[in-house]
Amino acid sequence: MPSKKVAIIMGSDSDIPAVTPAKKRLESLGIPVEAHIFSAHRTPAAAAEFSKNARANGFGAIIAAAGKAAHLAGALAAQTTLPVIGIPIKSSTLDGLDALLSTVQMPSGVPVATVAIDGADNAALLAAQILAVNDDGLAGKLQQLKDEMGRAVAEKDSTLQDRQW
């Protein structure tokens, strides 16, 4: 099991369905996950406190999911030296474009890696790849996953060729 865990921080409980794929992917790779709800605007002190102490509390990366103004990832990144991965969450207002722009447009010195709107699976894989820099066992699991994806595409191509499309 990797020695570091990953935090999944969401701005609201309404984000749970959108981040569930990240939790499932991390758990499938044997990575411990801890989830919390913090708001960059409603509980800024609690969010800052968590982020400031995340490294000391055994985390290796933070995934932050938020919609609309989506300042959560940046607020967390401002308080830690751990990598922060932002997931912009689609909302009914602007289909997630507002969250994407809020998450990706960080000022110099406060980096946030940003995945696609509702891209929880890729956020988990990126967090796993970051942890795998110092974990050969995890790197091997990730390589197996990539190999499986490649085989699946090859099988689909073979099926297409058999149909003589």
N, C-alpha and C. Protein backbone atom coordinates (compact mmCIF):
# COMPACT_ATOMS: atom_id res chain seq x y z
N MET A 1 0.85 -1.18 0.00
CA MET A 1 0.00 0.00 0.00
C MET A 1 0.89 1.24 0.00
N PRO A 2 0.54 2.26 -0.83
CA PRO A 2 1.34 3.48 -0.83
C PRO A 2 1.41 4.10 0.57
N SER A 3 2.52 4.73 0.84
CA SER A 3 2.71 5.31 2.17
C SER A 3 1.95 6.62 2.34
N LYS A 4 1.55 7.24 1.26
CA LYS A 4 0.83 8.51 1.34
C LYS A 4 -0.63 8.30 0.95
N LYS A 5 -1.48 9.13 1.52
CA LYS A 5 -2.89 9.08 1.16
C LYS A 5 -3.25 10.31 0.34
N VAL A 6 -4.43 10.28 -0.26
CA VAL A 6 -4.92 11.39 -1.08
C VAL A 6 -6.17 11.95 -0.43
N ALA A 7 -6.23 13.26 -0.35
CA ALA A 7 -7.42 13.93 0.15
C ALA A 7 -8.31 14.31 -1.03
N ILE A 8 -9.59 14.05 -0.88
CA ILE A 8 -10.57 14.55 -1.83
C ILE A 8 -11.40 15.57 -1.07
N ILE A 9 -11.26 16.81 -1.48
CA ILE A 9 -11.97 17.90 -0.83
C ILE A 9 -13.01 18.43 -1.81
N MET A 10 -14.24 18.53 -1.35
CA MET A 10 -15.29 19.06 -2.21
C MET A 10 -15.93 20.25 -1.54
N GLY A 11 -16.45 21.14 -2.36
CA GLY A 11 -17.05 22.36 -1.84
C GLY A 11 -18.44 22.18 -1.29
N SER A 12 -19.09 21.06 -1.65
CA SER A 12 -20.47 20.83 -1.23
C SER A 12 -20.77 19.35 -1.29
N ASP A 13 -21.74 18.92 -0.52
CA ASP A 13 -22.13 17.52 -0.61
C ASP A 13 -22.78 17.19 -1.95
N SER A 14 -23.22 18.20 -2.67
CA SER A 14 -23.77 17.96 -4.01
C SER A 14 -22.69 17.50 -4.99
N ASP A 15 -21.42 17.64 -4.60
CA ASP A 15 -20.30 17.21 -5.45
C ASP A 15 -19.96 15.73 -5.27
N ILE A 16 -20.57 15.07 -4.30
CA ILE A 16 -20.24 13.66 -4.03
C ILE A 16 -20.37 12.78 -5.28
N PRO A 17 -21.47 12.85 -6.04
CA PRO A 17 -21.55 11.99 -7.23
C PRO A 17 -20.44 12.26 -8.24
N ALA A 18 -20.03 13.51 -8.36
CA ALA A 18 -18.99 13.86 -9.33
C ALA A 18 -17.61 13.38 -8.91
N VAL A 19 -17.34 13.28 -7.60
CA VAL A 19 -16.02 12.85 -7.15
C VAL A 19 -15.93 11.37 -6.84
N THR A 20 -17.06 10.68 -6.83
CA THR A 20 -17.06 9.25 -6.53
C THR A 20 -16.13 8.45 -7.44
N PRO A 21 -16.05 8.76 -8.75
CA PRO A 21 -15.09 8.01 -9.59
C PRO A 21 -13.64 8.14 -9.11
N ALA A 22 -13.28 9.29 -8.56
CA ALA A 22 -11.91 9.45 -8.05
C ALA A 22 -11.68 8.55 -6.84
N LYS A 23 -12.64 8.53 -5.95
CA LYS A 23 -12.53 7.67 -4.76
C LYS A 23 -12.39 6.21 -5.17
N LYS A 24 -13.24 5.77 -6.09
CA LYS A 24 -13.21 4.38 -6.53
C LYS A 24 -11.88 4.04 -7.21
N ARG A 25 -11.39 4.95 -8.07
CA ARG A 25 -10.12 4.69 -8.78
C ARG A 25 -8.97 4.60 -7.79
N LEU A 26 -8.88 5.54 -6.86
CA LEU A 26 -7.80 5.52 -5.88
C LEU A 26 -7.85 4.25 -5.03
N GLU A 27 -9.03 3.88 -4.57
CA GLU A 27 -9.17 2.66 -3.78
C GLU A 27 -8.78 1.42 -4.58
N SER A 28 -9.11 1.41 -5.88
CA SER A 28 -8.76 0.25 -6.71
C SER A 28 -7.25 0.11 -6.86
N LEU A 29 -6.54 1.21 -6.69
CA LEU A 29 -5.08 1.19 -6.76
C LEU A 29 -4.43 0.99 -5.39
N GLY A 30 -5.26 0.82 -4.36
CA GLY A 30 -4.74 0.61 -3.01
C GLY A 30 -4.28 1.88 -2.33
N ILE A 31 -4.76 3.02 -2.79
CA ILE A 31 -4.36 4.31 -2.20
C ILE A 31 -5.41 4.73 -1.18
N PRO A 32 -4.99 4.98 0.05
CA PRO A 32 -5.94 5.44 1.06
C PRO A 32 -6.50 6.82 0.69
N VAL A 33 -7.79 6.99 0.92
CA VAL A 33 -8.49 8.22 0.57
C VAL A 33 -9.20 8.76 1.80
N GLU A 34 -9.14 10.06 1.94
CA GLU A 34 -9.89 10.74 3.00
C GLU A 34 -10.64 11.89 2.34
N ALA A 35 -11.93 11.98 2.56
CA ALA A 35 -12.74 13.02 1.93
C ALA A 35 -13.30 13.97 2.97
N HIS A 36 -13.41 15.24 2.56
CA HIS A 36 -13.97 16.29 3.42
C HIS A 36 -14.74 17.28 2.58
N ILE A 37 -15.63 18.00 3.23
CA ILE A 37 -16.31 19.13 2.60
C ILE A 37 -15.83 20.39 3.29
N PHE A 38 -15.22 21.25 2.49
CA PHE A 38 -14.79 22.57 2.94
C PHE A 38 -15.20 23.58 1.87
N SER A 39 -15.48 24.77 2.26
CA SER A 39 -15.83 25.82 1.32
C SER A 39 -14.77 26.92 1.38
N ALA A 40 -14.29 27.31 0.21
CA ALA A 40 -13.33 28.41 0.17
C ALA A 40 -13.95 29.71 0.67
N HIS A 41 -15.28 29.80 0.59
CA HIS A 41 -15.96 31.03 0.97
C HIS A 41 -16.68 30.95 2.30
N ARG A 42 -17.19 29.77 2.65
CA ARG A 42 -17.98 29.64 3.87
C ARG A 42 -17.19 29.10 5.06
N THR A 43 -16.15 28.31 4.78
CA THR A 43 -15.29 27.79 5.85
C THR A 43 -13.82 27.96 5.47
N PRO A 44 -13.40 29.17 5.15
CA PRO A 44 -12.02 29.37 4.69
C PRO A 44 -10.97 28.99 5.73
N ALA A 45 -11.24 29.23 7.00
CA ALA A 45 -10.26 28.90 8.04
C ALA A 45 -10.07 27.39 8.15
N ALA A 46 -11.16 26.65 8.09
CA ALA A 46 -11.07 25.18 8.17
C ALA A 46 -10.34 24.62 6.95
N ALA A 47 -10.64 25.17 5.77
CA ALA A 47 -9.96 24.71 4.55
C ALA A 47 -8.46 24.99 4.64
N ALA A 48 -8.12 26.19 5.09
CA ALA A 48 -6.71 26.56 5.22
C ALA A 48 -6.00 25.68 6.25
N GLU A 49 -6.64 25.43 7.35
CA GLU A 49 -6.05 24.60 8.41
C GLU A 49 -5.79 23.19 7.90
N PHE A 50 -6.75 22.62 7.19
CA PHE A 50 -6.56 21.27 6.63
C PHE A 50 -5.37 21.27 5.68
N SER A 51 -5.34 22.22 4.77
CA SER A 51 -4.29 22.26 3.76
C SER A 51 -2.90 22.50 4.38
N LYS A 52 -2.82 23.38 5.34
CA LYS A 52 -1.53 23.66 6.01
C LYS A 52 -0.96 22.41 6.67
N ASN A 53 -1.82 21.55 7.18
CA ASN A 53 -1.39 20.37 7.92
C ASN A 53 -1.42 19.08 7.12
N ALA A 54 -1.80 19.15 5.86
CA ALA A 54 -2.00 17.94 5.05
C ALA A 54 -0.73 17.10 4.93
N ARG A 55 0.40 17.72 4.66
CA ARG A 55 1.65 16.96 4.53
C ARG A 55 1.97 16.24 5.84
N ALA A 56 1.89 16.96 6.95
CA ALA A 56 2.19 16.37 8.26
C ALA A 56 1.20 15.26 8.61
N ASN A 57 0.01 15.33 8.04
CA ASN A 57 -1.02 14.32 8.32
C ASN A 57 -0.99 13.16 7.33
N GLY A 58 0.09 13.04 6.55
CA GLY A 58 0.29 11.87 5.72
C GLY A 58 -0.26 11.91 4.31
N PHE A 59 -0.65 13.08 3.85
CA PHE A 59 -1.17 13.19 2.49
C PHE A 59 -0.02 13.43 1.50
N GLY A 60 -0.20 12.92 0.29
CA GLY A 60 0.77 13.13 -0.78
C GLY A 60 0.24 14.00 -1.89
N ALA A 61 -1.07 14.18 -1.93
CA ALA A 61 -1.71 15.01 -2.94
C ALA A 61 -3.12 15.35 -2.46
N ILE A 62 -3.64 16.45 -3.00
CA ILE A 62 -4.99 16.89 -2.67
C ILE A 62 -5.76 17.05 -3.98
N ILE A 63 -6.95 16.47 -4.02
CA ILE A 63 -7.87 16.69 -5.13
C ILE A 63 -8.97 17.60 -4.59
N ALA A 64 -9.24 18.69 -5.32
CA ALA A 64 -10.24 19.65 -4.87
C ALA A 64 -11.30 19.82 -5.96
N ALA A 65 -12.54 19.56 -5.61
CA ALA A 65 -13.64 19.66 -6.56
C ALA A 65 -14.60 20.76 -6.15
N ALA A 66 -14.91 21.64 -7.10
CA ALA A 66 -15.85 22.71 -6.80
C ALA A 66 -16.48 23.20 -8.09
N GLY A 67 -17.68 23.71 -7.97
CA GLY A 67 -18.39 24.27 -9.11
C GLY A 67 -18.53 25.77 -8.98
N LYS A 68 -19.10 26.35 -9.99
CA LYS A 68 -19.36 27.80 -10.08
C LYS A 68 -18.07 28.60 -9.88
N ALA A 69 -17.96 29.41 -8.83
CA ALA A 69 -16.77 30.24 -8.64
C ALA A 69 -15.51 29.40 -8.45
N ALA A 70 -15.64 28.21 -7.89
CA ALA A 70 -14.58 27.20 -7.82
C ALA A 70 -13.23 27.70 -7.33
N HIS A 71 -13.21 28.40 -6.23
CA HIS A 71 -11.95 28.90 -5.68
C HIS A 71 -11.29 27.90 -4.74
N LEU A 72 -11.91 26.76 -4.48
CA LEU A 72 -11.43 25.82 -3.48
C LEU A 72 -10.02 25.32 -3.77
N ALA A 73 -9.74 24.87 -4.97
CA ALA A 73 -8.41 24.33 -5.29
C ALA A 73 -7.33 25.37 -5.05
N GLY A 74 -7.56 26.58 -5.49
CA GLY A 74 -6.58 27.65 -5.29
C GLY A 74 -6.40 28.02 -3.83
N ALA A 75 -7.51 28.04 -3.09
CA ALA A 75 -7.43 28.34 -1.66
C ALA A 75 -6.62 27.29 -0.93
N LEU A 76 -6.79 26.01 -1.32
CA LEU A 76 -6.00 24.94 -0.70
C LEU A 76 -4.55 25.02 -1.14
N ALA A 77 -4.32 25.24 -2.41
CA ALA A 77 -2.95 25.31 -2.95
C ALA A 77 -2.15 26.45 -2.33
N ALA A 78 -2.82 27.52 -1.97
CA ALA A 78 -2.13 28.66 -1.36
C ALA A 78 -1.55 28.32 0.01
N GLN A 79 -2.04 27.24 0.63
CA GLN A 79 -1.66 26.92 2.00
C GLN A 79 -0.77 25.68 2.12
N THR A 80 -0.34 25.09 0.98
CA THR A 80 0.43 23.84 1.05
C THR A 80 1.47 23.78 -0.06
N THR A 81 2.44 22.94 0.15
CA THR A 81 3.41 22.65 -0.91
C THR A 81 3.08 21.33 -1.61
N LEU A 82 2.02 20.67 -1.19
CA LEU A 82 1.58 19.45 -1.86
C LEU A 82 0.96 19.78 -3.22
N PRO A 83 1.01 18.84 -4.16
CA PRO A 83 0.31 19.07 -5.41
C PRO A 83 -1.19 19.08 -5.19
N VAL A 84 -1.86 20.04 -5.81
CA VAL A 84 -3.31 20.16 -5.74
C VAL A 84 -3.85 19.99 -7.15
N ILE A 85 -4.83 19.11 -7.27
CA ILE A 85 -5.46 18.82 -8.55
C ILE A 85 -6.90 19.29 -8.48
N GLY A 86 -7.28 20.19 -9.34
CA GLY A 86 -8.63 20.73 -9.33
C GLY A 86 -9.55 20.01 -10.29
N ILE A 87 -10.75 19.72 -9.82
CA ILE A 87 -11.81 19.18 -10.67
C ILE A 87 -12.90 20.24 -10.77
N PRO A 88 -13.03 20.89 -11.92
CA PRO A 88 -14.16 21.81 -12.08
C PRO A 88 -15.45 20.99 -12.21
N ILE A 89 -16.46 21.36 -11.45
CA ILE A 89 -17.71 20.62 -11.43
C ILE A 89 -18.76 21.35 -12.27
N LYS A 90 -19.42 20.59 -13.12
CA LYS A 90 -20.46 21.14 -13.98
C LYS A 90 -21.63 21.60 -13.12
N SER A 91 -22.10 22.79 -13.40
CA SER A 91 -23.27 23.30 -12.71
C SER A 91 -24.32 23.66 -13.75
N SER A 92 -25.49 23.97 -13.27
CA SER A 92 -26.57 24.32 -14.19
C SER A 92 -26.40 25.72 -14.77
N THR A 93 -25.53 26.51 -14.19
CA THR A 93 -25.40 27.89 -14.62
C THR A 93 -24.69 28.02 -15.96
N LEU A 94 -23.44 27.62 -16.03
CA LEU A 94 -22.65 27.77 -17.26
C LEU A 94 -22.03 26.45 -17.70
N ASP A 95 -22.66 25.35 -17.34
CA ASP A 95 -22.19 24.01 -17.72
C ASP A 95 -20.77 23.70 -17.28
N GLY A 96 -20.30 24.36 -16.25
CA GLY A 96 -18.98 24.08 -15.71
C GLY A 96 -17.87 24.96 -16.26
N LEU A 97 -18.16 25.76 -17.29
CA LEU A 97 -17.12 26.62 -17.85
C LEU A 97 -16.64 27.63 -16.81
N ASP A 98 -17.53 28.14 -15.99
CA ASP A 98 -17.15 29.06 -14.92
C ASP A 98 -16.19 28.39 -13.95
N ALA A 99 -16.49 27.15 -13.58
CA ALA A 99 -15.62 26.41 -12.65
C ALA A 99 -14.27 26.09 -13.30
N LEU A 100 -14.30 25.73 -14.58
CA LEU A 100 -13.05 25.44 -15.28
C LEU A 100 -12.14 26.66 -15.29
N LEU A 101 -12.68 27.80 -15.66
CA LEU A 101 -11.86 29.01 -15.71
C LEU A 101 -11.37 29.42 -14.33
N SER A 102 -12.21 29.29 -13.32
CA SER A 102 -11.81 29.63 -11.95
C SER A 102 -10.70 28.72 -11.45
N THR A 103 -10.74 27.46 -11.85
CA THR A 103 -9.76 26.48 -11.37
C THR A 103 -8.44 26.58 -12.11
N VAL A 104 -8.49 26.81 -13.39
CA VAL A 104 -7.27 26.79 -14.19
C VAL A 104 -6.51 28.12 -14.15
N GLN A 105 -7.17 29.22 -13.85
CA GLN A 105 -6.53 30.53 -13.91
C GLN A 105 -5.95 30.96 -12.56
N MET A 106 -4.97 30.22 -12.08
CA MET A 106 -4.33 30.55 -10.82
C MET A 106 -3.21 31.57 -11.04
N PRO A 107 -2.98 32.41 -10.05
CA PRO A 107 -1.88 33.37 -10.18
C PRO A 107 -0.52 32.68 -10.06
N SER A 108 0.47 33.32 -10.58
CA SER A 108 1.84 32.80 -10.50
C SER A 108 2.20 32.50 -9.05
N GLY A 109 2.78 31.33 -8.84
CA GLY A 109 3.20 30.93 -7.50
C GLY A 109 2.19 30.06 -6.77
N VAL A 110 0.99 29.89 -7.34
CA VAL A 110 -0.04 29.06 -6.72
C VAL A 110 -0.55 28.08 -7.78
N PRO A 111 0.26 27.07 -8.10
CA PRO A 111 -0.14 26.15 -9.16
C PRO A 111 -1.25 25.20 -8.73
N VAL A 112 -2.16 24.96 -9.67
CA VAL A 112 -3.20 23.95 -9.50
C VAL A 112 -3.26 23.18 -10.82
N ALA A 113 -3.02 21.89 -10.77
CA ALA A 113 -3.21 21.06 -11.96
C ALA A 113 -4.72 20.93 -12.13
N THR A 114 -5.21 21.09 -13.33
CA THR A 114 -6.65 21.08 -13.56
C THR A 114 -7.00 20.02 -14.59
N VAL A 115 -7.99 19.20 -14.27
CA VAL A 115 -8.48 18.19 -15.20
C VAL A 115 -9.77 18.70 -15.83
N ALA A 116 -10.36 17.90 -16.68
CA ALA A 116 -11.57 18.28 -17.39
C ALA A 116 -12.73 18.49 -16.42
N ILE A 117 -13.75 19.18 -16.90
CA ILE A 117 -14.98 19.35 -16.13
C ILE A 117 -15.51 17.96 -15.78
N ASP A 118 -15.77 17.73 -14.51
CA ASP A 118 -16.22 16.44 -13.98
C ASP A 118 -15.20 15.31 -14.25
N GLY A 119 -13.91 15.66 -14.33
CA GLY A 119 -12.87 14.69 -14.66
C GLY A 119 -12.27 14.00 -13.45
N ALA A 120 -13.09 13.45 -12.60
CA ALA A 120 -12.62 12.85 -11.34
C ALA A 120 -11.68 11.67 -11.57
N ASP A 121 -11.96 10.84 -12.57
CA ASP A 121 -11.10 9.68 -12.80
C ASP A 121 -9.68 10.13 -13.16
N ASN A 122 -9.57 11.11 -14.05
CA ASN A 122 -8.23 11.60 -14.39
C ASN A 122 -7.55 12.29 -13.21
N ALA A 123 -8.32 12.95 -12.36
CA ALA A 123 -7.72 13.56 -11.16
C ALA A 123 -7.11 12.47 -10.28
N ALA A 124 -7.82 11.38 -10.13
CA ALA A 124 -7.31 10.27 -9.32
C ALA A 124 -6.07 9.66 -9.96
N LEU A 125 -6.10 9.47 -11.27
CA LEU A 125 -4.93 8.90 -11.95
C LEU A 125 -3.73 9.82 -11.86
N LEU A 126 -3.95 11.12 -11.98
CA LEU A 126 -2.84 12.07 -11.85
C LEU A 126 -2.27 12.04 -10.43
N ALA A 127 -3.13 12.00 -9.44
CA ALA A 127 -2.66 11.89 -8.05
C ALA A 127 -1.85 10.61 -7.86
N ALA A 128 -2.34 9.52 -8.42
CA ALA A 128 -1.63 8.24 -8.31
C ALA A 128 -0.27 8.32 -9.01
N GLN A 129 -0.21 8.94 -10.17
CA GLN A 129 1.06 9.08 -10.88
C GLN A 129 2.05 9.93 -10.08
N ILE A 130 1.55 10.94 -9.40
CA ILE A 130 2.41 11.77 -8.56
C ILE A 130 2.98 10.92 -7.42
N LEU A 131 2.12 10.15 -6.76
CA LEU A 131 2.59 9.29 -5.67
C LEU A 131 3.53 8.20 -6.19
N ALA A 132 3.32 7.75 -7.42
CA ALA A 132 4.13 6.67 -7.99
C ALA A 132 5.56 7.09 -8.31
N VAL A 133 5.85 8.37 -8.27
CA VAL A 133 7.22 8.83 -8.49
C VAL A 133 8.17 8.16 -7.50
N ASN A 134 7.69 7.94 -6.29
CA ASN A 134 8.50 7.31 -5.25
C ASN A 134 7.95 5.97 -4.79
N ASP A 135 7.15 5.31 -5.62
CA ASP A 135 6.52 4.06 -5.24
C ASP A 135 6.47 3.14 -6.45
N ASP A 136 7.46 2.26 -6.56
CA ASP A 136 7.55 1.38 -7.72
C ASP A 136 6.36 0.42 -7.82
N GLY A 137 5.82 -0.02 -6.71
CA GLY A 137 4.66 -0.90 -6.73
C GLY A 137 3.45 -0.22 -7.35
N LEU A 138 3.22 1.01 -6.96
CA LEU A 138 2.11 1.78 -7.52
C LEU A 138 2.37 2.07 -9.00
N ALA A 139 3.61 2.38 -9.34
CA ALA A 139 3.95 2.61 -10.75
C ALA A 139 3.64 1.37 -11.59
N GLY A 140 3.91 0.20 -11.04
CA GLY A 140 3.60 -1.04 -11.74
C GLY A 140 2.10 -1.21 -11.96
N LYS A 141 1.30 -0.87 -10.94
CA LYS A 141 -0.15 -0.96 -11.08
C LYS A 141 -0.65 -0.01 -12.17
N LEU A 142 -0.07 1.18 -12.20
CA LEU A 142 -0.48 2.14 -13.22
C LEU A 142 -0.08 1.66 -14.62
N GLN A 143 1.08 1.04 -14.74
CA GLN A 143 1.49 0.51 -16.03
C GLN A 143 0.56 -0.61 -16.48
N GLN A 144 0.16 -1.47 -15.55
CA GLN A 144 -0.81 -2.53 -15.88
C GLN A 144 -2.12 -1.93 -16.39
N LEU A 145 -2.56 -0.86 -15.74
CA LEU A 145 -3.79 -0.20 -16.16
C LEU A 145 -3.66 0.35 -17.57
N LYS A 146 -2.53 0.98 -17.86
CA LYS A 146 -2.31 1.51 -19.22
C LYS A 146 -2.24 0.38 -20.23
N ASP A 147 -1.61 -0.71 -19.87
CA ASP A 147 -1.54 -1.86 -20.77
C ASP A 147 -2.94 -2.42 -21.06
N GLU A 148 -3.77 -2.49 -20.01
CA GLU A 148 -5.15 -2.98 -20.18
C GLU A 148 -5.95 -2.06 -21.11
N MET A 149 -5.77 -0.75 -20.95
CA MET A 149 -6.46 0.19 -21.83
C MET A 149 -6.02 0.00 -23.28
N GLY A 150 -4.73 -0.22 -23.49
CA GLY A 150 -4.21 -0.45 -24.84
C GLY A 150 -4.79 -1.71 -25.45
N ARG A 151 -4.86 -2.77 -24.66
CA ARG A 151 -5.44 -4.03 -25.16
C ARG A 151 -6.91 -3.84 -25.52
N ALA A 152 -7.65 -3.07 -24.74
CA ALA A 152 -9.07 -2.84 -25.01
C ALA A 152 -9.25 -2.10 -26.34
N VAL A 153 -8.39 -1.14 -26.61
CA VAL A 153 -8.48 -0.42 -27.89
C VAL A 153 -8.13 -1.35 -29.04
N ALA A 154 -7.11 -2.17 -28.87
CA ALA A 154 -6.72 -3.12 -29.92
C ALA A 154 -7.86 -4.10 -30.21
N GLU A 155 -8.56 -4.56 -29.17
CA GLU A 155 -9.70 -5.46 -29.35
C GLU A 155 -10.82 -4.77 -30.12
N LYS A 156 -11.08 -3.51 -29.82
CA LYS A 156 -12.12 -2.76 -30.53
C LYS A 156 -11.74 -2.58 -32.00
N ASP A 157 -10.46 -2.33 -32.25
CA ASP A 157 -10.00 -2.20 -33.64
C ASP A 157 -10.17 -3.52 -34.38
N SER A 158 -9.83 -4.61 -33.72
CA SER A 158 -9.96 -5.93 -34.34
C SER A 158 -11.43 -6.22 -34.67
N THR A 159 -12.33 -5.87 -33.75
CA THR A 159 -13.76 -6.06 -33.99
C THR A 159 -14.21 -5.22 -35.19
N LEU A 160 -13.73 -4.00 -35.27
CA LEU A 160 -14.08 -3.12 -36.39
C LEU A 160 -13.57 -3.72 -37.71
N GLN A 161 -12.36 -4.24 -37.69
CA GLN A 161 -11.79 -4.82 -38.91
C GLN A 161 -12.57 -6.06 -39.32
N ASP A 162 -13.01 -6.85 -38.37
CA ASP A 162 -13.79 -8.06 -38.67
C ASP A 162 -15.13 -7.72 -39.30
N ARG A 163 -15.68 -6.57 -39.00
CA ARG A 163 -16.97 -6.16 -39.55
C ARG A 163 -16.83 -5.65 -40.99
N GLN A 164 -15.62 -5.39 -41.42
CA GLN A 164 -15.36 -4.87 -42.76
C GLN A 164 -16.16 -3.59 -42.98
N TRP A 165 -16.05 -2.72 -42.12
CA TRP A 165 -16.78 -1.44 -42.13
C TRP A 165 -16.48 -0.64 -43.33
